[in-house]
């Protein structure tokens, strides 16, 4: 019982570079373009809120020190 190790396979050659059309689909690129900015915005939202709060507290402290309030 011989096993044929040299038979053709439907897989692409590992030495041949795949084209962009073979690698990326329009649906995948659109999903990536929608998800990444949303993810970045979610990560940035808490930082923006903390910076806004610290800025407001700093402004109140400076106003109080200068006697403007």
N, C-alpha and C. Protein backbone atom coordinates (compact mmCIF):
# COMPACT_ATOMS: atom_id res chain seq x y z
N UNK A 1 0.84 -1.17 0.00
CA UNK A 1 0.00 0.00 0.00
C UNK A 1 0.89 1.23 0.00
N UNK A 2 1.01 1.83 -1.15
CA UNK A 2 1.85 3.02 -1.28
C UNK A 2 1.00 4.28 -1.09
N UNK A 3 1.59 5.27 -0.44
CA UNK A 3 0.93 6.56 -0.26
C UNK A 3 1.58 7.53 -1.22
N UNK A 4 0.76 8.17 -2.04
CA UNK A 4 1.27 9.11 -3.02
C UNK A 4 1.46 10.47 -2.35
N UNK A 5 2.69 10.82 -2.05
CA UNK A 5 2.97 12.09 -1.38
C UNK A 5 3.18 13.23 -2.37
N UNK A 6 3.21 12.94 -3.64
CA UNK A 6 3.47 13.98 -4.64
C UNK A 6 2.20 14.39 -5.39
N UNK A 7 1.05 14.05 -4.87
CA UNK A 7 -0.19 14.40 -5.56
C UNK A 7 -0.44 15.90 -5.47
N UNK A 8 -1.18 16.39 -6.43
CA UNK A 8 -1.51 17.81 -6.47
C UNK A 8 -2.54 18.13 -5.39
N UNK A 9 -2.38 19.25 -4.74
CA UNK A 9 -3.35 19.69 -3.74
C UNK A 9 -4.00 20.97 -4.23
N UNK A 10 -5.20 21.27 -3.77
CA UNK A 10 -5.88 22.50 -4.20
C UNK A 10 -5.35 23.74 -3.51
N UNK A 11 -4.40 23.58 -2.61
CA UNK A 11 -3.88 24.73 -1.87
C UNK A 11 -2.91 25.53 -2.72
N UNK A 12 -2.79 26.80 -2.41
CA UNK A 12 -1.86 27.65 -3.13
C UNK A 12 -0.44 27.39 -2.64
N UNK A 13 0.48 27.70 -3.45
CA UNK A 13 1.88 27.49 -3.11
C UNK A 13 2.30 28.45 -2.00
N UNK A 14 3.04 27.97 -1.01
CA UNK A 14 3.48 28.87 0.07
C UNK A 14 4.53 29.87 -0.39
N UNK A 15 5.13 29.62 -1.55
CA UNK A 15 6.16 30.54 -2.03
C UNK A 15 5.59 31.65 -2.89
N UNK A 16 4.34 31.50 -3.34
CA UNK A 16 3.73 32.53 -4.19
C UNK A 16 3.00 33.54 -3.31
N UNK A 17 3.28 34.81 -3.51
CA UNK A 17 2.62 35.87 -2.74
C UNK A 17 1.17 35.99 -3.19
N UNK A 18 0.28 36.12 -2.21
CA UNK A 18 -1.13 36.29 -2.54
C UNK A 18 -1.40 37.74 -2.90
N UNK A 19 -2.32 37.93 -3.82
CA UNK A 19 -2.68 39.29 -4.21
C UNK A 19 -3.61 39.89 -3.17
N UNK A 20 -3.79 41.20 -3.22
CA UNK A 20 -4.68 41.88 -2.29
C UNK A 20 -6.11 41.38 -2.46
N UNK A 21 -6.50 41.07 -3.67
CA UNK A 21 -7.86 40.57 -3.93
C UNK A 21 -8.07 39.21 -3.27
N UNK A 22 -7.02 38.38 -3.24
CA UNK A 22 -7.13 37.07 -2.59
C UNK A 22 -7.10 37.20 -1.07
N UNK A 23 -6.45 38.23 -0.56
CA UNK A 23 -6.25 38.37 0.88
C UNK A 23 -7.40 39.10 1.55
N UNK A 24 -7.87 40.18 0.96
CA UNK A 24 -8.87 41.04 1.60
C UNK A 24 -10.17 41.04 0.80
N UNK A 25 -11.28 41.06 1.51
CA UNK A 25 -12.58 41.20 0.85
C UNK A 25 -13.12 42.60 1.16
N UNK A 26 -14.01 43.07 0.32
CA UNK A 26 -14.60 44.40 0.54
C UNK A 26 -15.38 44.43 1.85
N UNK A 27 -16.09 43.36 2.15
CA UNK A 27 -16.87 43.30 3.40
C UNK A 27 -15.94 43.34 4.61
N UNK A 28 -14.82 42.62 4.54
CA UNK A 28 -13.87 42.62 5.64
C UNK A 28 -13.23 43.98 5.86
N UNK A 29 -12.89 44.65 4.77
CA UNK A 29 -12.29 45.97 4.89
C UNK A 29 -13.28 46.99 5.44
N UNK A 30 -14.54 46.90 5.01
CA UNK A 30 -15.57 47.81 5.53
C UNK A 30 -15.82 47.57 7.01
N UNK A 31 -15.82 46.31 7.41
CA UNK A 31 -16.01 46.01 8.83
C UNK A 31 -14.84 46.54 9.64
N UNK A 32 -13.64 46.36 9.13
CA UNK A 32 -12.45 46.87 9.82
C UNK A 32 -12.51 48.39 9.93
N UNK A 33 -12.91 49.05 8.84
CA UNK A 33 -12.98 50.52 8.83
C UNK A 33 -14.05 51.04 9.78
N UNK A 34 -15.06 50.25 10.08
CA UNK A 34 -16.11 50.68 11.00
C UNK A 34 -15.77 50.35 12.45
N UNK A 35 -15.15 49.22 12.68
CA UNK A 35 -14.91 48.74 14.05
C UNK A 35 -13.73 49.45 14.70
N UNK A 36 -12.66 49.67 13.97
CA UNK A 36 -11.45 50.25 14.58
C UNK A 36 -11.70 51.66 15.12
N UNK A 37 -12.29 52.60 14.37
CA UNK A 37 -12.54 53.92 14.96
C UNK A 37 -13.49 53.87 16.15
N UNK A 38 -14.49 53.00 16.10
CA UNK A 38 -15.41 52.87 17.24
C UNK A 38 -14.67 52.36 18.47
N UNK A 39 -13.79 51.41 18.29
CA UNK A 39 -13.01 50.86 19.41
C UNK A 39 -12.08 51.93 19.99
N UNK A 40 -11.44 52.70 19.13
CA UNK A 40 -10.55 53.77 19.60
C UNK A 40 -11.36 54.83 20.36
N UNK A 41 -12.54 55.16 19.87
CA UNK A 41 -13.38 56.15 20.56
C UNK A 41 -13.81 55.64 21.94
N UNK A 42 -14.13 54.36 22.03
CA UNK A 42 -14.51 53.79 23.33
C UNK A 42 -13.34 53.82 24.31
N UNK A 43 -12.14 53.57 23.80
CA UNK A 43 -10.96 53.63 24.68
C UNK A 43 -10.65 55.06 25.10
N UNK A 44 -10.92 56.02 24.23
CA UNK A 44 -10.57 57.41 24.52
C UNK A 44 -11.61 58.11 25.39
N UNK A 45 -12.83 57.64 25.42
CA UNK A 45 -13.90 58.33 26.15
C UNK A 45 -13.61 58.52 27.63
N UNK A 46 -13.16 57.51 28.36
CA UNK A 46 -12.86 57.73 29.78
C UNK A 46 -11.74 58.74 30.00
N UNK A 47 -10.75 58.73 29.14
CA UNK A 47 -9.63 59.66 29.27
C UNK A 47 -10.12 61.09 29.05
N UNK A 48 -11.00 61.27 28.07
CA UNK A 48 -11.53 62.61 27.80
C UNK A 48 -12.34 63.11 28.99
N UNK A 49 -13.13 62.24 29.59
CA UNK A 49 -13.93 62.65 30.75
C UNK A 49 -13.04 63.02 31.94
N UNK A 50 -12.00 62.25 32.19
CA UNK A 50 -11.08 62.56 33.29
C UNK A 50 -10.38 63.88 33.04
N UNK A 51 -9.92 64.11 31.82
CA UNK A 51 -9.21 65.36 31.50
C UNK A 51 -10.16 66.55 31.62
N UNK A 52 -11.41 66.40 31.18
CA UNK A 52 -12.39 67.47 31.31
C UNK A 52 -12.64 67.80 32.78
N UNK A 53 -12.79 66.77 33.60
CA UNK A 53 -13.03 66.97 35.04
C UNK A 53 -11.84 67.65 35.70
N UNK A 54 -10.63 67.17 35.39
CA UNK A 54 -9.43 67.79 35.97
C UNK A 54 -9.28 69.24 35.51
N UNK A 55 -9.60 69.51 34.27
CA UNK A 55 -9.54 70.88 33.77
C UNK A 55 -10.53 71.79 34.48
N UNK A 56 -11.75 71.29 34.70
CA UNK A 56 -12.76 72.09 35.40
C UNK A 56 -12.34 72.35 36.84
N UNK A 57 -11.82 71.33 37.52
CA UNK A 57 -11.36 71.51 38.90
C UNK A 57 -10.19 72.48 38.98
N UNK A 58 -9.28 72.40 38.02
CA UNK A 58 -8.15 73.32 37.99
C UNK A 58 -8.63 74.75 37.77
N UNK A 59 -9.58 74.93 36.87
CA UNK A 59 -10.12 76.28 36.62
C UNK A 59 -10.79 76.84 37.87
N UNK A 60 -11.55 76.01 38.57
CA UNK A 60 -12.18 76.47 39.81
C UNK A 60 -11.15 76.82 40.88
N UNK A 61 -10.10 76.03 40.99
CA UNK A 61 -9.05 76.30 41.98
C UNK A 61 -8.33 77.61 41.67
N UNK A 62 -8.01 77.83 40.40
CA UNK A 62 -7.32 79.07 40.01
C UNK A 62 -8.23 80.27 40.26
N UNK A 63 -9.51 80.13 39.91
CA UNK A 63 -10.46 81.22 40.16
C UNK A 63 -10.55 81.54 41.65
N UNK A 64 -10.59 80.51 42.47
CA UNK A 64 -10.70 80.72 43.91
C UNK A 64 -9.43 81.37 44.46
N UNK A 65 -8.26 80.92 43.98
CA UNK A 65 -6.99 81.49 44.44
C UNK A 65 -6.85 82.95 44.04
N UNK A 66 -7.35 83.30 42.88
CA UNK A 66 -7.25 84.68 42.41
C UNK A 66 -8.38 85.55 42.95
N UNK A 67 -9.31 84.96 43.66
CA UNK A 67 -10.41 85.72 44.24
C UNK A 67 -11.47 86.11 43.24
N UNK A 68 -11.57 85.40 42.15
CA UNK A 68 -12.57 85.72 41.14
C UNK A 68 -13.94 85.15 41.49
N UNK A 69 -13.96 84.21 42.40
CA UNK A 69 -15.25 83.60 42.79
C UNK A 69 -15.63 84.10 44.16
